[in-house]
Amino acid sequence: MATVCRHPKVRVVSRHEDTEYVECLDCGEVFDSEEFRDMEIEATAETEPSMEDA
């Protein structure tokens, strides 16, 4: 089973108008920075306990 990369290290590879594209230095995937921010938010939400768990 393949391990999912959380993209811990990224670098900006391109800017086009209002969009910035980043590349993961571990797996090489390229995506826009907004998508990267969404992934960070989802990862944080997965690790934080919800109010229902309390």
PDB file of N, CA and C in Angstrom:
ATOM      1  N   MET A   1       0.845  -1.185   0.000  1.00  0.00           N
ATOM      2  CA  MET A   1       0.000   0.000   0.000  1.00  0.00           C
ATOM      3  C   MET A   1       0.888   1.245   0.000  1.00  0.00           C
ATOM      4  N   ALA A   2       0.609   2.180  -0.857  1.00  0.00           N
ATOM      5  CA  ALA A   2       1.406   3.397  -0.974  1.00  0.00           C
ATOM      6  C   ALA A   2       1.089   4.358   0.164  1.00  0.00           C
ATOM      7  N   THR A   3       2.114   5.049   0.624  1.00  0.00           N
ATOM      8  CA  THR A   3       1.948   6.047   1.667  1.00  0.00           C
ATOM      9  C   THR A   3       1.523   7.367   1.025  1.00  0.00           C
ATOM     10  N   VAL A   4       0.558   8.034   1.643  1.00  0.00           N
ATOM     11  CA  VAL A   4       0.078   9.308   1.130  1.00  0.00           C
ATOM     12  C   VAL A   4       1.045  10.405   1.548  1.00  0.00           C
ATOM     13  N   CYS A   5       1.495  11.198   0.594  1.00  0.00           N
ATOM     14  CA  CYS A   5       2.407  12.297   0.881  1.00  0.00           C
ATOM     15  C   CYS A   5       1.606  13.490   1.387  1.00  0.00           C
ATOM     16  N   ARG A   6       2.024  14.051   2.501  1.00  0.00           N
ATOM     17  CA  ARG A   6       1.354  15.229   3.072  1.00  0.00           C
ATOM     18  C   ARG A   6       1.994  16.524   2.574  1.00  0.00           C
ATOM     19  N   HIS A   7       2.956  16.419   1.672  1.00  0.00           N
ATOM     20  CA  HIS A   7       3.633  17.563   1.067  1.00  0.00           C
ATOM     21  C   HIS A   7       4.208  18.506   2.131  1.00  0.00           C
ATOM     22  N   PRO A   8       5.121  17.995   2.970  1.00  0.00           N
ATOM     23  CA  PRO A   8       5.673  18.838   4.042  1.00  0.00           C
ATOM     24  C   PRO A   8       6.604  19.935   3.554  1.00  0.00           C
ATOM     25  N   LYS A   9       7.226  19.726   2.374  1.00  0.00           N
ATOM     26  CA  LYS A   9       8.150  20.730   1.836  1.00  0.00           C
ATOM     27  C   LYS A   9       7.747  21.036   0.403  1.00  0.00           C
ATOM     28  N   VAL A  10       7.458  22.300   0.136  1.00  0.00           N
ATOM     29  CA  VAL A  10       7.081  22.706  -1.214  1.00  0.00           C
ATOM     30  C   VAL A  10       7.893  23.920  -1.630  1.00  0.00           C
ATOM     31  N   ARG A  11       7.959  24.135  -2.943  1.00  0.00           N
ATOM     32  CA  ARG A  11       8.607  25.334  -3.471  1.00  0.00           C
ATOM     33  C   ARG A  11       7.743  25.884  -4.588  1.00  0.00           C
ATOM     34  N   VAL A  12       7.774  27.185  -4.771  1.00  0.00           N
ATOM     35  CA  VAL A  12       7.029  27.840  -5.840  1.00  0.00           C
ATOM     36  C   VAL A  12       7.755  27.557  -7.154  1.00  0.00           C
ATOM     37  N   VAL A  13       7.007  27.057  -8.148  1.00  0.00           N
ATOM     38  CA  VAL A  13       7.618  26.766  -9.444  1.00  0.00           C
ATOM     39  C   VAL A  13       7.117  27.691 -10.541  1.00  0.00           C
ATOM     40  N   SER A  14       5.955  28.334 -10.338  1.00  0.00           N
ATOM     41  CA  SER A  14       5.417  29.199 -11.378  1.00  0.00           C
ATOM     42  C   SER A  14       4.370  30.134 -10.788  1.00  0.00           C
ATOM     43  N   ARG A  15       4.270  31.296 -11.395  1.00  0.00           N
ATOM     44  CA  ARG A  15       3.210  32.245 -11.055  1.00  0.00           C
ATOM     45  C   ARG A  15       2.576  32.672 -12.368  1.00  0.00           C
ATOM     46  N   HIS A  16       1.253  32.591 -12.421  1.00  0.00           N
ATOM     47  CA  HIS A  16       0.521  32.989 -13.626  1.00  0.00           C
ATOM     48  C   HIS A  16      -0.683  33.800 -13.187  1.00  0.00           C
ATOM     49  N   GLU A  17      -0.682  35.083 -13.510  1.00  0.00           N
ATOM     50  CA  GLU A  17      -1.724  36.025 -13.088  1.00  0.00           C
ATOM     51  C   GLU A  17      -1.879  35.952 -11.576  1.00  0.00           C
ATOM     52  N   ASP A  18      -3.035  35.541 -11.073  1.00  0.00           N
ATOM     53  CA  ASP A  18      -3.270  35.498  -9.627  1.00  0.00           C
ATOM     54  C   ASP A  18      -3.035  34.121  -9.026  1.00  0.00           C
ATOM     55  N   THR A  19      -2.491  33.190  -9.782  1.00  0.00           N
ATOM     56  CA  THR A  19      -2.305  31.829  -9.303  1.00  0.00           C
ATOM     57  C   THR A  19      -0.825  31.505  -9.167  1.00  0.00           C
ATOM     58  N   GLU A  20      -0.492  30.851  -8.063  1.00  0.00           N
ATOM     59  CA  GLU A  20       0.870  30.441  -7.785  1.00  0.00           C
ATOM     60  C   GLU A  20       0.882  28.913  -7.741  1.00  0.00           C
ATOM     61  N   TYR A  21       1.829  28.304  -8.421  1.00  0.00           N
ATOM     62  CA  TYR A  21       1.928  26.852  -8.452  1.00  0.00           C
ATOM     63  C   TYR A  21       3.129  26.401  -7.635  1.00  0.00           C
ATOM     64  N   VAL A  22       2.934  25.367  -6.830  1.00  0.00           N
ATOM     65  CA  VAL A  22       4.001  24.842  -5.988  1.00  0.00           C
ATOM     66  C   VAL A  22       4.246  23.377  -6.310  1.00  0.00           C
ATOM     67  N   GLU A  23       5.486  22.938  -6.033  1.00  0.00           N
ATOM     68  CA  GLU A  23       5.880  21.553  -6.252  1.00  0.00           C
ATOM     69  C   GLU A  23       6.305  20.962  -4.919  1.00  0.00           C
ATOM     70  N   CYS A  24       5.829  19.767  -4.620  1.00  0.00           N
ATOM     71  CA  CYS A  24       6.256  19.053  -3.423  1.00  0.00           C
ATOM     72  C   CYS A  24       7.673  18.551  -3.660  1.00  0.00           C
ATOM     73  N   LEU A  25       8.580  18.849  -2.746  1.00  0.00           N
ATOM     74  CA  LEU A  25       9.971  18.427  -2.894  1.00  0.00           C
ATOM     75  C   LEU A  25      10.155  16.944  -2.570  1.00  0.00           C
ATOM     76  N   ASP A  26       9.157  16.315  -1.948  1.00  0.00           N
ATOM     77  CA  ASP A  26       9.258  14.892  -1.622  1.00  0.00           C
ATOM     78  C   ASP A  26       8.721  14.001  -2.735  1.00  0.00           C
ATOM     79  N   CYS A  27       7.511  14.308  -3.245  1.00  0.00           N
ATOM     80  CA  CYS A  27       6.892  13.417  -4.229  1.00  0.00           C
ATOM     81  C   CYS A  27       6.869  13.996  -5.643  1.00  0.00           C
ATOM     82  N   GLY A  28       7.114  15.306  -5.787  1.00  0.00           N
ATOM     83  CA  GLY A  28       7.169  15.930  -7.105  1.00  0.00           C
ATOM     84  C   GLY A  28       5.831  16.393  -7.652  1.00  0.00           C
ATOM     85  N   GLU A  29       4.746  16.217  -6.913  1.00  0.00           N
ATOM     86  CA  GLU A  29       3.429  16.662  -7.388  1.00  0.00           C
ATOM     87  C   GLU A  29       3.392  18.187  -7.470  1.00  0.00           C
ATOM     88  N   VAL A  30       2.770  18.705  -8.522  1.00  0.00           N
ATOM     89  CA  VAL A  30       2.625  20.147  -8.709  1.00  0.00           C
ATOM     90  C   VAL A  30       1.147  20.495  -8.609  1.00  0.00           C
ATOM     91  N   PHE A  31       0.839  21.554  -7.857  1.00  0.00           N
ATOM     92  CA  PHE A  31      -0.550  21.977  -7.679  1.00  0.00           C
ATOM     93  C   PHE A  31      -0.562  23.445  -7.335  1.00  0.00           C
ATOM     94  N   ASP A  32      -1.743  24.081  -7.434  1.00  0.00           N
ATOM     95  CA  ASP A  32      -1.795  25.505  -7.117  1.00  0.00           C
ATOM     96  C   ASP A  32      -1.785  25.700  -5.601  1.00  0.00           C
ATOM     97  N   SER A  33      -1.299  26.838  -5.171  1.00  0.00           N
ATOM     98  CA  SER A  33      -1.106  27.091  -3.751  1.00  0.00           C
ATOM     99  C   SER A  33      -2.419  27.105  -2.981  1.00  0.00           C
ATOM    100  N   GLU A  34      -3.518  27.490  -3.624  1.00  0.00           N
ATOM    101  CA  GLU A  34      -4.823  27.442  -2.951  1.00  0.00           C
ATOM    102  C   GLU A  34      -5.192  26.001  -2.608  1.00  0.00           C
ATOM    103  N   GLU A  35      -4.927  25.092  -3.514  1.00  0.00           N
ATOM    104  CA  GLU A  35      -5.186  23.675  -3.275  1.00  0.00           C
ATOM    105  C   GLU A  35      -4.327  23.184  -2.112  1.00  0.00           C
ATOM    106  N   PHE A  36      -3.073  23.645  -2.048  1.00  0.00           N
ATOM    107  CA  PHE A  36      -2.174  23.272  -0.959  1.00  0.00           C
ATOM    108  C   PHE A  36      -2.718  23.762   0.376  1.00  0.00           C
ATOM    109  N   ARG A  37      -3.221  24.990   0.423  1.00  0.00           N
ATOM    110  CA  ARG A  37      -3.799  25.525   1.670  1.00  0.00           C
ATOM    111  C   ARG A  37      -5.010  24.699   2.101  1.00  0.00           C
ATOM    112  N   ASP A  38      -5.827  24.283   1.135  1.00  0.00           N
ATOM    113  CA  ASP A  38      -6.982  23.445   1.445  1.00  0.00           C
ATOM    114  C   ASP A  38      -6.540  22.116   2.043  1.00  0.00           C
ATOM    115  N   MET A  39      -5.460  21.536   1.515  1.00  0.00           N
ATOM    116  CA  MET A  39      -4.941  20.271   2.043  1.00  0.00           C
ATOM    117  C   MET A  39      -4.455  20.453   3.472  1.00  0.00           C
ATOM    118  N   GLU A  40      -3.796  21.589   3.771  1.00  0.00           N
ATOM    119  CA  GLU A  40      -3.326  21.858   5.127  1.00  0.00           C
ATOM    120  C   GLU A  40      -4.497  21.969   6.098  1.00  0.00           C
ATOM    121  N   ILE A  41      -5.556  22.643   5.676  1.00  0.00           N
ATOM    122  CA  ILE A  41      -6.745  22.805   6.515  1.00  0.00           C
ATOM    123  C   ILE A  41      -7.380  21.449   6.791  1.00  0.00           C
ATOM    124  N   GLU A  42      -7.503  20.611   5.756  1.00  0.00           N
ATOM    125  CA  GLU A  42      -8.078  19.279   5.931  1.00  0.00           C
ATOM    126  C   GLU A  42      -7.233  18.432   6.878  1.00  0.00           C
ATOM    127  N   ALA A  43      -5.915  18.499   6.753  1.00  0.00           N
ATOM    128  CA  ALA A  43      -5.025  17.728   7.615  1.00  0.00           C
ATOM    129  C   ALA A  43      -5.152  18.176   9.058  1.00  0.00           C
ATOM    130  N   THR A  44      -5.266  19.489   9.275  1.00  0.00           N
ATOM    131  CA  THR A  44      -5.418  20.019  10.620  1.00  0.00           C
ATOM    132  C   THR A  44      -6.753  19.578  11.218  1.00  0.00           C
ATOM    133  N   ALA A  45      -7.793  19.599  10.420  1.00  0.00           N
ATOM    134  CA  ALA A  45      -9.120  19.198  10.902  1.00  0.00           C
ATOM    135  C   ALA A  45      -9.138  17.724  11.275  1.00  0.00           C
ATOM    136  N   GLU A  46      -8.379  16.895  10.586  1.00  0.00           N
ATOM    137  CA  GLU A  46      -8.320  15.469  10.883  1.00  0.00           C
ATOM    138  C   GLU A  46      -7.614  15.204  12.208  1.00  0.00           C
ATOM    139  N   THR A  47      -6.632  16.015  12.586  1.00  0.00           N
ATOM    140  CA  THR A  47      -5.857  15.760  13.783  1.00  0.00           C
ATOM    141  C   THR A  47      -6.434  16.419  15.034  1.00  0.00           C
ATOM    142  N   GLU A  48      -7.249  17.442  14.879  1.00  0.00           N
ATOM    143  CA  GLU A  48      -7.850  18.117  16.023  1.00  0.00           C
ATOM    144  C   GLU A  48      -9.091  17.362  16.490  1.00  0.00           C
ATOM    145  N   PRO A  49      -9.237  17.159  17.791  1.00  0.00           N
ATOM    146  CA  PRO A  49     -10.445  16.509  18.294  1.00  0.00           C
ATOM    147  C   PRO A  49     -11.655  17.414  18.094  1.00  0.00           C
ATOM    148  N   SER A  50     -12.744  16.844  17.701  1.00  0.00           N
ATOM    149  CA  SER A  50     -13.950  17.644  17.508  1.00  0.00           C
ATOM    150  C   SER A  50     -14.688  17.813  18.841  1.00  0.00           C
ATOM    151  N   MET A  51     -15.599  18.740  18.871  1.00  0.00           N
ATOM    152  CA  MET A  51     -16.378  18.987  20.085  1.00  0.00           C
ATOM    153  C   MET A  51     -17.242  17.772  20.434  1.00  0.00           C
ATOM    154  N   GLU A  52     -17.609  16.980  19.432  1.00  0.00           N
ATOM    155  CA  GLU A  52     -18.424  15.797  19.675  1.00  0.00           C
ATOM    156  C   GLU A  52     -17.656  14.734  20.426  1.00  0.00           C
ATOM    157  N   ASP A  53     -16.318  14.701  20.285  1.00  0.00           N
ATOM    158  CA  ASP A  53     -15.494  13.702  20.938  1.00  0.00           C
ATOM    159  C   ASP A  53     -15.285  13.996  22.416  1.00  0.00           C
ATOM    160  N   ALA A  54     -15.546  15.230  22.839  1.00  0.00           N
ATOM    161  CA  ALA A  54     -15.294  15.633  24.212  1.00  0.00           C
ATOM    162  C   ALA A  54     -16.324  15.089  25.160  1.00  0.00           C
TER     163      ALA A  54
END
